[in-house]
Amino acid sequence: MRIDILTLFPKMFEGFINESIIKRARKKGLIEIYLINIRDFTLLKNGQVDDTPYGGGSGMVLMCEPVVRAIERVKTDDSKVYLMSPQGTIFNDKLADSLYKSTKHLILVCGHYEGFDERIRSFVDGEISIGDYILTGGEIPAMAITDALTRFIPGVIDALSFKNESFKDQLLDYPVYTKPREFRGLKVPDILLSGDHKKIDEYRREEQIRVTKEKRPDLMK
């Protein structure tokens, strides 16, 4: 899978793509991530990519030309292009799965300032939001989406871990423990020490249901 991220601040991604699981996935050739600086596509000599809004109002608006030219430079017949926008479809595990299965080349466009010139929306396939709150730009949402999609790629993480994590079967993950067996009076459940894997599996399934009912009952609807 290939992901191109169009941004005004590519340096924000340096640690993200060069650490931990993302770094290993890139090194193995399981995913390609490219950072595209929108400023490289402005026709203005001063590097300007934004301007004041017609009709007045606060803030600055990203201009059409540099954003659209950046999209067109990297877009292919296999590409899907999404704006990072609070007006977009809320990102979740189901959408991540759908994007992974249906997209060979994903282009994520990070906004900044007051927003996008409305006409930019004519050149994209959709908009994605990571929640009902406002951030200073689309870089953090682009990282979140890239991270979530990378986990779907076979070989990036252990297959069993992926199968059992939260949101699979509309349930949260079961509680996990490691050494020591007791910490300040808090003990590891005896069933996990029994060696009876059938009972352990049953216990974990019951715990998934319990945790989901307590923390996210909306998922069980």
N, C-alpha and C. Protein backbone atom coordinates (compact mmCIF):
# COMPACT_ATOMS: atom_id res chain seq x y z
N MET A 1 0.85 -1.20 0.00
CA MET A 1 0.00 0.00 0.00
C MET A 1 0.88 1.24 0.00
N ARG A 2 0.40 2.26 -0.70
CA ARG A 2 1.14 3.53 -0.74
C ARG A 2 0.25 4.64 -0.18
N ILE A 3 0.84 5.49 0.65
CA ILE A 3 0.12 6.65 1.19
C ILE A 3 0.96 7.89 0.93
N ASP A 4 0.36 8.87 0.24
CA ASP A 4 0.99 10.18 0.06
C ASP A 4 0.28 11.17 0.97
N ILE A 5 1.05 11.91 1.75
CA ILE A 5 0.49 12.89 2.67
C ILE A 5 0.89 14.28 2.21
N LEU A 6 -0.10 15.09 1.84
CA LEU A 6 0.13 16.46 1.38
C LEU A 6 -0.01 17.39 2.58
N THR A 7 1.03 18.14 2.87
CA THR A 7 1.07 18.92 4.10
C THR A 7 1.94 20.16 3.91
N LEU A 8 1.71 21.16 4.74
CA LEU A 8 2.58 22.33 4.79
C LEU A 8 3.73 22.12 5.77
N PHE A 9 3.67 21.04 6.56
CA PHE A 9 4.65 20.82 7.62
C PHE A 9 5.17 19.38 7.60
N PRO A 10 5.90 18.99 6.55
CA PRO A 10 6.38 17.60 6.44
C PRO A 10 7.29 17.17 7.59
N LYS A 11 7.99 18.11 8.22
CA LYS A 11 8.89 17.74 9.31
C LYS A 11 8.14 17.19 10.51
N MET A 12 6.84 17.49 10.62
CA MET A 12 6.05 16.95 11.72
C MET A 12 5.98 15.42 11.66
N PHE A 13 6.21 14.84 10.49
CA PHE A 13 6.06 13.41 10.31
C PHE A 13 7.36 12.63 10.46
N GLU A 14 8.48 13.32 10.65
CA GLU A 14 9.76 12.64 10.65
C GLU A 14 9.85 11.57 11.73
N GLY A 15 9.48 11.90 12.94
CA GLY A 15 9.50 10.91 14.01
C GLY A 15 8.47 9.82 13.79
N PHE A 16 7.31 10.20 13.30
CA PHE A 16 6.21 9.25 13.09
C PHE A 16 6.60 8.13 12.13
N ILE A 17 7.23 8.47 11.01
CA ILE A 17 7.52 7.44 10.00
C ILE A 17 8.85 6.74 10.25
N ASN A 18 9.63 7.24 11.21
CA ASN A 18 10.96 6.68 11.44
C ASN A 18 11.12 6.04 12.81
N GLU A 19 10.02 5.64 13.41
CA GLU A 19 10.06 4.98 14.71
C GLU A 19 9.12 3.78 14.73
N SER A 20 9.43 2.82 15.58
CA SER A 20 8.53 1.73 15.95
C SER A 20 7.98 0.94 14.76
N ILE A 21 6.69 0.59 14.85
CA ILE A 21 6.07 -0.31 13.88
C ILE A 21 6.04 0.29 12.47
N ILE A 22 5.79 1.58 12.35
CA ILE A 22 5.76 2.22 11.03
C ILE A 22 7.13 2.12 10.37
N LYS A 23 8.17 2.36 11.12
CA LYS A 23 9.52 2.26 10.57
C LYS A 23 9.80 0.85 10.07
N ARG A 24 9.45 -0.15 10.88
CA ARG A 24 9.71 -1.54 10.49
C ARG A 24 8.91 -1.93 9.25
N ALA A 25 7.66 -1.46 9.18
CA ALA A 25 6.82 -1.77 8.01
C ALA A 25 7.40 -1.15 6.75
N ARG A 26 7.91 0.05 6.86
CA ARG A 26 8.53 0.71 5.70
C ARG A 26 9.81 -0.01 5.30
N LYS A 27 10.60 -0.40 6.29
CA LYS A 27 11.87 -1.07 6.01
C LYS A 27 11.65 -2.41 5.31
N LYS A 28 10.56 -3.10 5.67
CA LYS A 28 10.23 -4.39 5.05
C LYS A 28 9.58 -4.22 3.68
N GLY A 29 9.25 -2.99 3.31
CA GLY A 29 8.59 -2.74 2.05
C GLY A 29 7.11 -3.06 2.07
N LEU A 30 6.52 -3.13 3.27
CA LEU A 30 5.10 -3.46 3.39
C LEU A 30 4.21 -2.24 3.13
N ILE A 31 4.76 -1.06 3.32
CA ILE A 31 4.03 0.17 3.05
C ILE A 31 4.99 1.24 2.58
N GLU A 32 4.51 2.09 1.67
CA GLU A 32 5.28 3.25 1.21
C GLU A 32 4.56 4.51 1.69
N ILE A 33 5.30 5.39 2.33
CA ILE A 33 4.73 6.65 2.81
C ILE A 33 5.58 7.80 2.25
N TYR A 34 4.93 8.71 1.55
CA TYR A 34 5.63 9.86 0.97
C TYR A 34 5.02 11.15 1.50
N LEU A 35 5.89 12.10 1.79
CA LEU A 35 5.46 13.41 2.29
C LEU A 35 5.62 14.44 1.18
N ILE A 36 4.54 15.12 0.87
CA ILE A 36 4.52 16.09 -0.21
C ILE A 36 4.28 17.47 0.38
N ASN A 37 5.22 18.40 0.15
CA ASN A 37 5.09 19.76 0.68
C ASN A 37 4.24 20.59 -0.28
N ILE A 38 3.09 21.01 0.19
CA ILE A 38 2.17 21.78 -0.66
C ILE A 38 2.81 23.07 -1.15
N ARG A 39 3.71 23.63 -0.37
CA ARG A 39 4.36 24.88 -0.76
C ARG A 39 5.17 24.73 -2.06
N ASP A 40 5.61 23.53 -2.33
CA ASP A 40 6.39 23.30 -3.55
C ASP A 40 5.56 23.49 -4.81
N PHE A 41 4.25 23.64 -4.66
CA PHE A 41 3.37 23.69 -5.83
C PHE A 41 2.69 25.05 -6.02
N THR A 42 3.10 26.03 -5.23
CA THR A 42 2.56 27.37 -5.44
C THR A 42 3.28 28.03 -6.60
N LEU A 43 2.58 28.90 -7.32
CA LEU A 43 3.18 29.64 -8.43
C LEU A 43 3.66 31.02 -7.98
N LEU A 44 3.42 31.34 -6.71
CA LEU A 44 3.81 32.64 -6.18
C LEU A 44 5.25 32.58 -5.67
N LYS A 45 6.03 33.58 -5.99
CA LYS A 45 7.45 33.57 -5.67
C LYS A 45 7.74 33.57 -4.17
N ASN A 46 6.84 34.10 -3.39
CA ASN A 46 7.07 34.17 -1.94
C ASN A 46 6.64 32.89 -1.22
N GLY A 47 6.22 31.88 -1.98
CA GLY A 47 5.81 30.61 -1.37
C GLY A 47 4.43 30.65 -0.75
N GLN A 48 3.66 31.66 -1.05
CA GLN A 48 2.33 31.80 -0.44
C GLN A 48 1.39 30.69 -0.89
N VAL A 49 0.65 30.15 0.07
CA VAL A 49 -0.32 29.09 -0.23
C VAL A 49 -1.70 29.42 0.33
N ASP A 50 -1.85 30.56 0.98
CA ASP A 50 -3.12 30.92 1.59
C ASP A 50 -3.42 32.40 1.34
N ASP A 51 -4.67 32.77 1.54
CA ASP A 51 -5.05 34.17 1.36
C ASP A 51 -6.29 34.44 2.19
N THR A 52 -6.67 35.72 2.27
CA THR A 52 -7.85 36.11 3.03
C THR A 52 -9.12 35.65 2.32
N PRO A 53 -10.18 35.36 3.05
CA PRO A 53 -11.42 34.87 2.43
C PRO A 53 -12.21 35.98 1.76
N TYR A 54 -12.77 35.67 0.59
CA TYR A 54 -13.72 36.59 -0.03
C TYR A 54 -14.92 36.77 0.89
N GLY A 55 -15.43 37.99 0.96
CA GLY A 55 -16.58 38.29 1.81
C GLY A 55 -16.19 38.64 3.23
N GLY A 56 -14.88 38.60 3.50
CA GLY A 56 -14.41 38.95 4.83
C GLY A 56 -14.47 37.78 5.79
N GLY A 57 -13.96 37.98 6.97
CA GLY A 57 -13.92 36.93 7.98
C GLY A 57 -12.52 36.75 8.52
N SER A 58 -12.43 36.01 9.62
CA SER A 58 -11.14 35.83 10.27
C SER A 58 -10.35 34.69 9.63
N GLY A 59 -9.06 34.71 9.83
CA GLY A 59 -8.21 33.62 9.41
C GLY A 59 -7.84 33.68 7.94
N MET A 60 -7.03 32.69 7.54
CA MET A 60 -6.56 32.57 6.17
C MET A 60 -7.06 31.25 5.59
N VAL A 61 -7.24 31.21 4.28
CA VAL A 61 -7.80 30.05 3.61
C VAL A 61 -6.78 29.47 2.64
N LEU A 62 -6.61 28.15 2.63
CA LEU A 62 -5.71 27.51 1.68
C LEU A 62 -6.22 27.70 0.26
N MET A 63 -5.35 28.11 -0.62
CA MET A 63 -5.71 28.41 -1.99
C MET A 63 -5.86 27.14 -2.83
N CYS A 64 -6.67 27.23 -3.85
CA CYS A 64 -6.92 26.09 -4.73
C CYS A 64 -5.66 25.59 -5.43
N GLU A 65 -4.97 26.51 -6.07
CA GLU A 65 -3.94 26.10 -7.04
C GLU A 65 -2.85 25.21 -6.47
N PRO A 66 -2.19 25.59 -5.37
CA PRO A 66 -1.11 24.72 -4.88
C PRO A 66 -1.60 23.36 -4.42
N VAL A 67 -2.79 23.32 -3.80
CA VAL A 67 -3.32 22.05 -3.31
C VAL A 67 -3.69 21.14 -4.47
N VAL A 68 -4.41 21.69 -5.45
CA VAL A 68 -4.84 20.88 -6.60
C VAL A 68 -3.63 20.43 -7.43
N ARG A 69 -2.66 21.29 -7.61
CA ARG A 69 -1.46 20.91 -8.37
C ARG A 69 -0.70 19.81 -7.65
N ALA A 70 -0.66 19.85 -6.32
CA ALA A 70 0.01 18.80 -5.55
C ALA A 70 -0.74 17.47 -5.70
N ILE A 71 -2.06 17.53 -5.62
CA ILE A 71 -2.86 16.31 -5.80
C ILE A 71 -2.61 15.71 -7.18
N GLU A 72 -2.65 16.55 -8.20
CA GLU A 72 -2.51 16.06 -9.57
C GLU A 72 -1.12 15.52 -9.85
N ARG A 73 -0.12 15.99 -9.13
CA ARG A 73 1.23 15.49 -9.33
C ARG A 73 1.37 14.03 -8.91
N VAL A 74 0.68 13.62 -7.84
CA VAL A 74 0.86 12.26 -7.32
C VAL A 74 -0.31 11.33 -7.62
N LYS A 75 -1.42 11.87 -8.10
CA LYS A 75 -2.61 11.05 -8.31
C LYS A 75 -2.44 10.13 -9.52
N THR A 76 -2.95 8.88 -9.38
CA THR A 76 -2.97 7.92 -10.48
C THR A 76 -4.38 7.35 -10.59
N ASP A 77 -4.56 6.42 -11.51
CA ASP A 77 -5.88 5.79 -11.66
C ASP A 77 -6.26 4.96 -10.44
N ASP A 78 -5.26 4.57 -9.63
CA ASP A 78 -5.52 3.75 -8.45
C ASP A 78 -5.71 4.58 -7.17
N SER A 79 -5.65 5.90 -7.29
CA SER A 79 -5.65 6.76 -6.10
C SER A 79 -7.05 7.09 -5.60
N LYS A 80 -7.13 7.25 -4.28
CA LYS A 80 -8.29 7.87 -3.64
C LYS A 80 -7.77 9.02 -2.80
N VAL A 81 -8.44 10.16 -2.90
CA VAL A 81 -7.97 11.39 -2.26
C VAL A 81 -8.97 11.83 -1.20
N TYR A 82 -8.46 12.10 0.01
CA TYR A 82 -9.34 12.53 1.10
C TYR A 82 -8.75 13.75 1.80
N LEU A 83 -9.64 14.70 2.08
CA LEU A 83 -9.27 15.85 2.91
C LEU A 83 -9.38 15.46 4.38
N MET A 84 -8.46 15.94 5.19
CA MET A 84 -8.58 15.84 6.63
C MET A 84 -9.44 17.03 7.08
N SER A 85 -10.66 16.75 7.52
CA SER A 85 -11.61 17.83 7.76
C SER A 85 -12.58 17.47 8.88
N PRO A 86 -12.90 18.42 9.78
CA PRO A 86 -13.89 18.15 10.83
C PRO A 86 -15.29 17.93 10.26
N GLN A 87 -15.49 18.23 8.98
CA GLN A 87 -16.78 18.01 8.34
C GLN A 87 -16.89 16.61 7.73
N GLY A 88 -15.83 15.83 7.83
CA GLY A 88 -15.78 14.54 7.16
C GLY A 88 -16.45 13.40 7.91
N THR A 89 -16.47 12.25 7.27
CA THR A 89 -16.95 11.01 7.88
C THR A 89 -16.06 10.65 9.06
N ILE A 90 -16.66 10.27 10.19
CA ILE A 90 -15.86 9.93 11.37
C ILE A 90 -15.07 8.65 11.11
N PHE A 91 -13.79 8.72 11.36
CA PHE A 91 -12.90 7.57 11.15
C PHE A 91 -13.07 6.56 12.27
N ASN A 92 -13.19 5.29 11.88
CA ASN A 92 -13.27 4.21 12.87
C ASN A 92 -12.68 2.94 12.26
N ASP A 93 -12.73 1.85 13.01
CA ASP A 93 -12.10 0.61 12.55
C ASP A 93 -12.75 0.08 11.28
N LYS A 94 -14.06 0.24 11.16
CA LYS A 94 -14.77 -0.22 9.97
C LYS A 94 -14.33 0.55 8.73
N LEU A 95 -14.19 1.88 8.86
CA LEU A 95 -13.74 2.69 7.73
C LEU A 95 -12.28 2.37 7.39
N ALA A 96 -11.46 2.15 8.41
CA ALA A 96 -10.06 1.77 8.17
C ALA A 96 -9.99 0.48 7.36
N ASP A 97 -10.79 -0.50 7.74
CA ASP A 97 -10.83 -1.78 7.04
C ASP A 97 -11.27 -1.58 5.58
N SER A 98 -12.29 -0.76 5.39
CA SER A 98 -12.80 -0.50 4.04
C SER A 98 -11.75 0.19 3.17
N LEU A 99 -11.07 1.18 3.72
CA LEU A 99 -10.03 1.88 2.96
C LEU A 99 -8.88 0.95 2.60
N TYR A 100 -8.49 0.12 3.55
CA TYR A 100 -7.39 -0.81 3.27
C TYR A 100 -7.75 -1.78 2.15
N LYS A 101 -8.94 -2.31 2.19
CA LYS A 101 -9.35 -3.32 1.22
C LYS A 101 -9.62 -2.74 -0.17
N SER A 102 -9.99 -1.47 -0.23
CA SER A 102 -10.42 -0.89 -1.50
C SER A 102 -9.42 0.07 -2.13
N THR A 103 -8.31 0.34 -1.44
CA THR A 103 -7.41 1.40 -1.89
C THR A 103 -5.97 0.91 -2.01
N LYS A 104 -5.40 1.06 -3.19
CA LYS A 104 -3.98 0.76 -3.39
C LYS A 104 -3.11 1.97 -3.08
N HIS A 105 -3.64 3.14 -3.41
CA HIS A 105 -2.89 4.39 -3.23
C HIS A 105 -3.79 5.42 -2.58
N LEU A 106 -3.45 5.81 -1.38
CA LEU A 106 -4.26 6.77 -0.61
C LEU A 106 -3.52 8.10 -0.53
N ILE A 107 -4.23 9.18 -0.85
CA ILE A 107 -3.68 10.53 -0.74
C ILE A 107 -4.45 11.27 0.35
N LEU A 108 -3.74 11.71 1.38
CA LEU A 108 -4.35 12.44 2.50
C LEU A 108 -3.89 13.90 2.43
N VAL A 109 -4.86 14.80 2.39
CA VAL A 109 -4.55 16.23 2.27
C VAL A 109 -4.79 16.91 3.61
N CYS A 110 -3.73 17.47 4.17
CA CYS A 110 -3.80 18.11 5.49
C CYS A 110 -4.09 19.60 5.33
N GLY A 111 -5.19 20.02 5.90
CA GLY A 111 -5.51 21.43 5.89
C GLY A 111 -4.79 22.18 7.00
N HIS A 112 -4.90 23.47 6.97
CA HIS A 112 -4.34 24.31 8.03
C HIS A 112 -5.03 25.67 7.94
N TYR A 113 -4.73 26.54 8.88
CA TYR A 113 -5.34 27.87 8.91
C TYR A 113 -6.86 27.75 9.08
N GLU A 114 -7.63 28.57 8.37
CA GLU A 114 -9.08 28.60 8.56
C GLU A 114 -9.79 27.47 7.81
N GLY A 115 -9.12 26.92 6.80
CA GLY A 115 -9.74 25.83 6.06
C GLY A 115 -9.33 25.83 4.60
N PHE A 116 -10.03 25.01 3.80
CA PHE A 116 -9.76 24.89 2.37
C PHE A 116 -10.67 25.81 1.57
N ASP A 117 -10.15 26.34 0.47
CA ASP A 117 -11.03 26.93 -0.54
C ASP A 117 -12.04 25.86 -0.93
N GLU A 118 -13.30 26.18 -0.91
CA GLU A 118 -14.37 25.20 -1.15
C GLU A 118 -14.19 24.43 -2.46
N ARG A 119 -13.60 25.06 -3.45
CA ARG A 119 -13.47 24.43 -4.76
C ARG A 119 -12.50 23.24 -4.75
N ILE A 120 -11.65 23.15 -3.74
CA ILE A 120 -10.74 22.01 -3.63
C ILE A 120 -11.52 20.72 -3.48
N ARG A 121 -12.69 20.80 -2.88
CA ARG A 121 -13.51 19.60 -2.66
C ARG A 121 -13.96 18.95 -3.97
N SER A 122 -13.89 19.68 -5.06
CA SER A 122 -14.24 19.12 -6.36
C SER A 122 -13.17 18.18 -6.89
N PHE A 123 -12.02 18.14 -6.24
CA PHE A 123 -10.89 17.34 -6.73
C PHE A 123 -10.54 16.18 -5.80
N VAL A 124 -11.43 15.90 -4.84
CA VAL A 124 -11.16 14.80 -3.90
C VAL A 124 -12.32 13.82 -3.89
N ASP A 125 -12.08 12.66 -3.29
CA ASP A 125 -13.10 11.62 -3.22
C ASP A 125 -13.94 11.68 -1.95
N GLY A 126 -13.46 12.42 -0.96
CA GLY A 126 -14.20 12.50 0.28
C GLY A 126 -13.42 13.23 1.35
N GLU A 127 -14.02 13.29 2.55
CA GLU A 127 -13.40 13.95 3.70
C GLU A 127 -13.49 13.03 4.90
N ILE A 128 -12.45 13.06 5.73
CA ILE A 128 -12.40 12.21 6.91
C ILE A 128 -12.09 13.05 8.14
N SER A 129 -12.80 12.77 9.22
CA SER A 129 -12.57 13.41 10.51
C SER A 129 -12.21 12.34 11.54
N ILE A 130 -11.35 12.68 12.49
CA ILE A 130 -11.04 11.71 13.55
C ILE A 130 -11.82 12.02 14.83
N GLY A 131 -12.75 12.96 14.77
CA GLY A 131 -13.56 13.23 15.95
C GLY A 131 -14.17 14.62 15.92
N ASP A 132 -15.11 14.83 16.81
CA ASP A 132 -15.83 16.11 16.86
C ASP A 132 -15.08 17.11 17.72
N TYR A 133 -13.94 17.52 17.24
CA TYR A 133 -13.14 18.57 17.89
C TYR A 133 -12.25 19.18 16.83
N ILE A 134 -11.69 20.34 17.12
CA ILE A 134 -10.90 21.07 16.13
C ILE A 134 -9.42 21.02 16.51
N LEU A 135 -8.58 20.69 15.54
CA LEU A 135 -7.13 20.70 15.70
C LEU A 135 -6.55 21.84 14.88
N THR A 136 -5.27 22.13 15.08
CA THR A 136 -4.64 23.23 14.34
C THR A 136 -4.37 22.86 12.89
N GLY A 137 -4.42 21.59 12.57
CA GLY A 137 -4.19 21.17 11.19
C GLY A 137 -4.52 19.71 11.01
N GLY A 138 -4.36 19.21 9.78
CA GLY A 138 -4.71 17.84 9.47
C GLY A 138 -3.60 16.84 9.65
N GLU A 139 -2.46 17.28 10.17
CA GLU A 139 -1.31 16.38 10.28
C GLU A 139 -1.55 15.24 11.27
N ILE A 140 -2.08 15.55 12.44
CA ILE A 140 -2.34 14.50 13.44
C ILE A 140 -3.38 13.51 12.93
N PRO A 141 -4.50 13.97 12.35
CA PRO A 141 -5.43 13.00 11.75
C PRO A 141 -4.78 12.13 10.68
N ALA A 142 -3.93 12.70 9.84
CA ALA A 142 -3.26 11.92 8.80
C ALA A 142 -2.37 10.84 9.42
N MET A 143 -1.70 11.18 10.52
CA MET A 143 -0.88 10.19 11.22
C MET A 143 -1.76 9.07 11.78
N ALA A 144 -2.88 9.45 12.39
CA ALA A 144 -3.76 8.44 12.99
C ALA A 144 -4.29 7.48 11.93
N ILE A 145 -4.71 8.01 10.80
CA ILE A 145 -5.25 7.17 9.73
C ILE A 145 -4.16 6.27 9.16
N THR A 146 -2.99 6.83 8.94
CA THR A 146 -1.87 6.04 8.40
C THR A 146 -1.49 4.92 9.35
N ASP A 147 -1.44 5.21 10.63
CA ASP A 147 -1.09 4.21 11.64
C ASP A 147 -2.13 3.09 11.66
N ALA A 148 -3.41 3.46 11.65
CA ALA A 148 -4.47 2.45 11.70
C ALA A 148 -4.45 1.55 10.47
N LEU A 149 -4.26 2.14 9.29
CA LEU A 149 -4.24 1.35 8.06
C LEU A 149 -3.02 0.43 7.99
N THR A 150 -1.90 0.91 8.48
CA THR A 150 -0.68 0.10 8.45
C THR A 150 -0.86 -1.20 9.21
N ARG A 151 -1.62 -1.17 10.29
CA ARG A 151 -1.84 -2.36 11.11
C ARG A 151 -2.62 -3.44 10.37
N PHE A 152 -3.37 -3.06 9.34
CA PHE A 152 -4.13 -4.05 8.57
C PHE A 152 -3.25 -4.86 7.62
N ILE A 153 -2.08 -4.38 7.33
CA ILE A 153 -1.23 -5.03 6.33
C ILE A 153 -0.62 -6.30 6.91
N PRO A 154 -0.82 -7.44 6.25
CA PRO A 154 -0.24 -8.70 6.75
C PRO A 154 1.26 -8.58 6.94
N GLY A 155 1.73 -9.05 8.09
CA GLY A 155 3.15 -9.02 8.38
C GLY A 155 3.59 -7.84 9.22
N VAL A 156 2.71 -6.84 9.37
CA VAL A 156 3.08 -5.67 10.17
C VAL A 156 3.01 -5.99 11.66
N ILE A 157 1.91 -6.63 12.08
CA ILE A 157 1.80 -7.07 13.47
C ILE A 157 1.39 -8.54 13.48
N ASP A 158 1.52 -9.17 14.62
CA ASP A 158 1.15 -10.57 14.76
C ASP A 158 -0.33 -10.77 14.41
N ALA A 159 -0.61 -11.78 13.60
CA ALA A 159 -1.98 -12.00 13.12
C ALA A 159 -2.96 -12.26 14.25
N LEU A 160 -2.54 -13.00 15.29
CA LEU A 160 -3.43 -13.29 16.41
C LEU A 160 -3.73 -12.03 17.20
N SER A 161 -2.72 -11.20 17.40
CA SER A 161 -2.93 -9.94 18.11
C SER A 161 -3.93 -9.07 17.37
N PHE A 162 -3.80 -9.02 16.04
CA PHE A 162 -4.70 -8.20 15.23
C PHE A 162 -6.13 -8.72 15.33
N LYS A 163 -6.29 -10.03 15.31
CA LYS A 163 -7.61 -10.65 15.34
C LYS A 163 -8.34 -10.36 16.64
N ASN A 164 -7.62 -10.29 17.75
CA ASN A 164 -8.24 -10.19 19.06
C ASN A 164 -8.33 -8.77 19.62
N GLU A 165 -7.84 -7.76 18.90
CA GLU A 165 -7.81 -6.43 19.49
C GLU A 165 -9.19 -5.77 19.47
N SER A 166 -9.27 -4.61 20.08
CA SER A 166 -10.55 -3.91 20.22
C SER A 166 -11.22 -3.64 18.89
N PHE A 167 -12.56 -3.64 18.92
CA PHE A 167 -13.46 -3.32 17.82
C PHE A 167 -13.68 -4.47 16.84
N LYS A 168 -12.96 -5.58 17.02
CA LYS A 168 -13.27 -6.75 16.22
C LYS A 168 -14.53 -7.38 16.81
N ASP A 169 -15.50 -7.75 15.99
CA ASP A 169 -16.79 -8.28 16.44
C ASP A 169 -17.54 -7.28 17.32
N GLN A 170 -17.28 -6.00 17.13
CA GLN A 170 -17.97 -4.94 17.89
C GLN A 170 -17.72 -5.04 19.39
N LEU A 171 -16.59 -5.58 19.78
CA LEU A 171 -16.23 -5.70 21.19
C LEU A 171 -14.88 -5.07 21.45
N LEU A 172 -14.69 -4.60 22.67
CA LEU A 172 -13.39 -4.12 23.09
C LEU A 172 -12.50 -5.31 23.45
N ASP A 173 -11.21 -5.06 23.57
CA ASP A 173 -10.27 -6.13 23.88
C ASP A 173 -10.42 -6.56 25.34
N TYR A 174 -10.02 -7.79 25.62
CA TYR A 174 -10.05 -8.30 26.99
C TYR A 174 -8.85 -7.78 27.78
N PRO A 175 -8.92 -7.74 29.12
CA PRO A 175 -7.80 -7.28 29.93
C PRO A 175 -6.62 -8.25 29.82
N VAL A 176 -5.42 -7.70 29.82
CA VAL A 176 -4.21 -8.53 29.76
C VAL A 176 -3.30 -8.20 30.95
N TYR A 177 -2.47 -9.17 31.32
CA TYR A 177 -1.59 -9.03 32.49
C TYR A 177 -0.22 -9.60 32.16
N THR A 178 0.79 -9.17 32.90
CA THR A 178 2.12 -9.76 32.81
C THR A 178 2.74 -9.78 34.20
N LYS A 179 3.99 -10.16 34.32
CA LYS A 179 4.65 -10.26 35.62
C LYS A 179 4.78 -8.89 36.28
N PRO A 180 4.72 -8.84 37.63
CA PRO A 180 4.63 -9.95 38.58
C PRO A 180 3.19 -10.45 38.73
N ARG A 181 3.01 -11.63 39.32
CA ARG A 181 1.67 -12.21 39.52
C ARG A 181 0.84 -11.40 40.49
N GLU A 182 1.51 -10.69 41.41
CA GLU A 182 0.80 -9.83 42.36
C GLU A 182 1.55 -8.52 42.49
N PHE A 183 0.81 -7.41 42.44
CA PHE A 183 1.40 -6.08 42.58
C PHE A 183 0.53 -5.25 43.51
N ARG A 184 1.08 -4.95 44.68
CA ARG A 184 0.39 -4.14 45.69
C ARG A 184 -1.02 -4.66 45.97
N GLY A 185 -1.11 -5.96 46.11
CA GLY A 185 -2.37 -6.60 46.44
C GLY A 185 -3.26 -6.90 45.26
N LEU A 186 -2.88 -6.47 44.10
CA LEU A 186 -3.66 -6.72 42.88
C LEU A 186 -3.09 -7.96 42.19
N LYS A 187 -3.94 -9.00 42.04
CA LYS A 187 -3.46 -10.29 41.54
C LYS A 187 -3.94 -10.55 40.11
N VAL A 188 -3.14 -11.33 39.39
CA VAL A 188 -3.54 -11.82 38.09
C VAL A 188 -4.64 -12.86 38.30
N PRO A 189 -5.74 -12.83 37.54
CA PRO A 189 -6.81 -13.83 37.70
C PRO A 189 -6.27 -15.26 37.60
N ASP A 190 -6.72 -16.11 38.50
CA ASP A 190 -6.22 -17.49 38.56
C ASP A 190 -6.42 -18.25 37.25
N ILE A 191 -7.50 -17.98 36.55
CA ILE A 191 -7.79 -18.71 35.33
C ILE A 191 -6.67 -18.57 34.31
N LEU A 192 -5.99 -17.40 34.28
CA LEU A 192 -4.92 -17.18 33.32
C LEU A 192 -3.66 -17.96 33.65
N LEU A 193 -3.61 -18.49 34.86
CA LEU A 193 -2.45 -19.28 35.30
C LEU A 193 -2.75 -20.78 35.25
N SER A 194 -3.94 -21.15 34.82
CA SER A 194 -4.39 -22.54 34.90
C SER A 194 -3.79 -23.44 33.83
N GLY A 195 -3.42 -22.86 32.69
CA GLY A 195 -2.93 -23.67 31.59
C GLY A 195 -4.05 -24.29 30.76
N ASP A 196 -5.30 -24.08 31.14
CA ASP A 196 -6.45 -24.62 30.41
C ASP A 196 -6.87 -23.59 29.36
N HIS A 197 -6.40 -23.78 28.13
CA HIS A 197 -6.58 -22.76 27.10
C HIS A 197 -8.04 -22.59 26.67
N LYS A 198 -8.82 -23.66 26.75
CA LYS A 198 -10.23 -23.55 26.42
C LYS A 198 -10.95 -22.65 27.41
N LYS A 199 -10.67 -22.86 28.70
CA LYS A 199 -11.29 -22.03 29.73
C LYS A 199 -10.78 -20.59 29.65
N ILE A 200 -9.50 -20.44 29.32
CA ILE A 200 -8.94 -19.10 29.17
C ILE A 200 -9.64 -18.35 28.04
N ASP A 201 -9.86 -19.03 26.92
CA ASP A 201 -10.55 -18.41 25.79
C ASP A 201 -11.97 -18.01 26.18
N GLU A 202 -12.65 -18.89 26.91
CA GLU A 202 -14.02 -18.58 27.36
C GLU A 202 -14.02 -17.38 28.29
N TYR A 203 -13.06 -17.37 29.23
CA TYR A 203 -12.93 -16.25 30.17
C TYR A 203 -12.69 -14.93 29.43
N ARG A 204 -11.80 -14.97 28.45
CA ARG A 204 -11.48 -13.74 27.72
C ARG A 204 -12.67 -13.23 26.93
N ARG A 205 -13.44 -14.14 26.36
CA ARG A 205 -14.64 -13.72 25.63
C ARG A 205 -15.64 -13.07 26.58
N GLU A 206 -15.81 -13.67 27.74
CA GLU A 206 -16.71 -13.09 28.75
C GLU A 206 -16.23 -11.71 29.18
N GLU A 207 -14.92 -11.57 29.32
CA GLU A 207 -14.35 -10.29 29.72
C GLU A 207 -14.54 -9.24 28.63
N GLN A 208 -14.42 -9.64 27.37
CA GLN A 208 -14.67 -8.71 26.28
C GLN A 208 -16.09 -8.15 26.36
N ILE A 209 -17.04 -9.01 26.60
CA ILE A 209 -18.43 -8.59 26.70
C ILE A 209 -18.63 -7.68 27.90
N ARG A 210 -18.05 -8.06 29.05
CA ARG A 210 -18.18 -7.25 30.27
C ARG A 210 -17.59 -5.86 30.07
N VAL A 211 -16.37 -5.81 29.55
CA VAL A 211 -15.68 -4.52 29.37
C VAL A 211 -16.44 -3.63 28.39
N THR A 212 -16.94 -4.24 27.32
CA THR A 212 -17.67 -3.45 26.32
C THR A 212 -18.97 -2.90 26.91
N LYS A 213 -19.68 -3.70 27.69
CA LYS A 213 -20.91 -3.23 28.33
C LYS A 213 -20.62 -2.07 29.27
N GLU A 214 -19.51 -2.15 29.99
CA GLU A 214 -19.18 -1.12 30.97
C GLU A 214 -18.68 0.17 30.31
N LYS A 215 -17.81 0.03 29.28
CA LYS A 215 -17.12 1.19 28.74
C LYS A 215 -17.72 1.73 27.44
N ARG A 216 -18.24 0.84 26.59
CA ARG A 216 -18.79 1.28 25.31
C ARG A 216 -20.06 0.51 24.98
N PRO A 217 -21.11 0.67 25.79
CA PRO A 217 -22.36 -0.05 25.52
C PRO A 217 -22.95 0.26 24.16
N ASP A 218 -22.58 1.40 23.59
CA ASP A 218 -23.10 1.77 22.26
C ASP A 218 -22.66 0.79 21.19
N LEU A 219 -21.50 0.15 21.38
CA LEU A 219 -21.00 -0.80 20.39
C LEU A 219 -21.87 -2.05 20.31
N MET A 220 -22.53 -2.38 21.40
CA MET A 220 -23.29 -3.63 21.45
C MET A 220 -24.69 -3.48 20.86
N LYS A 221 -25.05 -2.28 20.46
CA LYS A 221 -26.36 -2.06 19.85
C LYS A 221 -26.37 -2.54 18.40
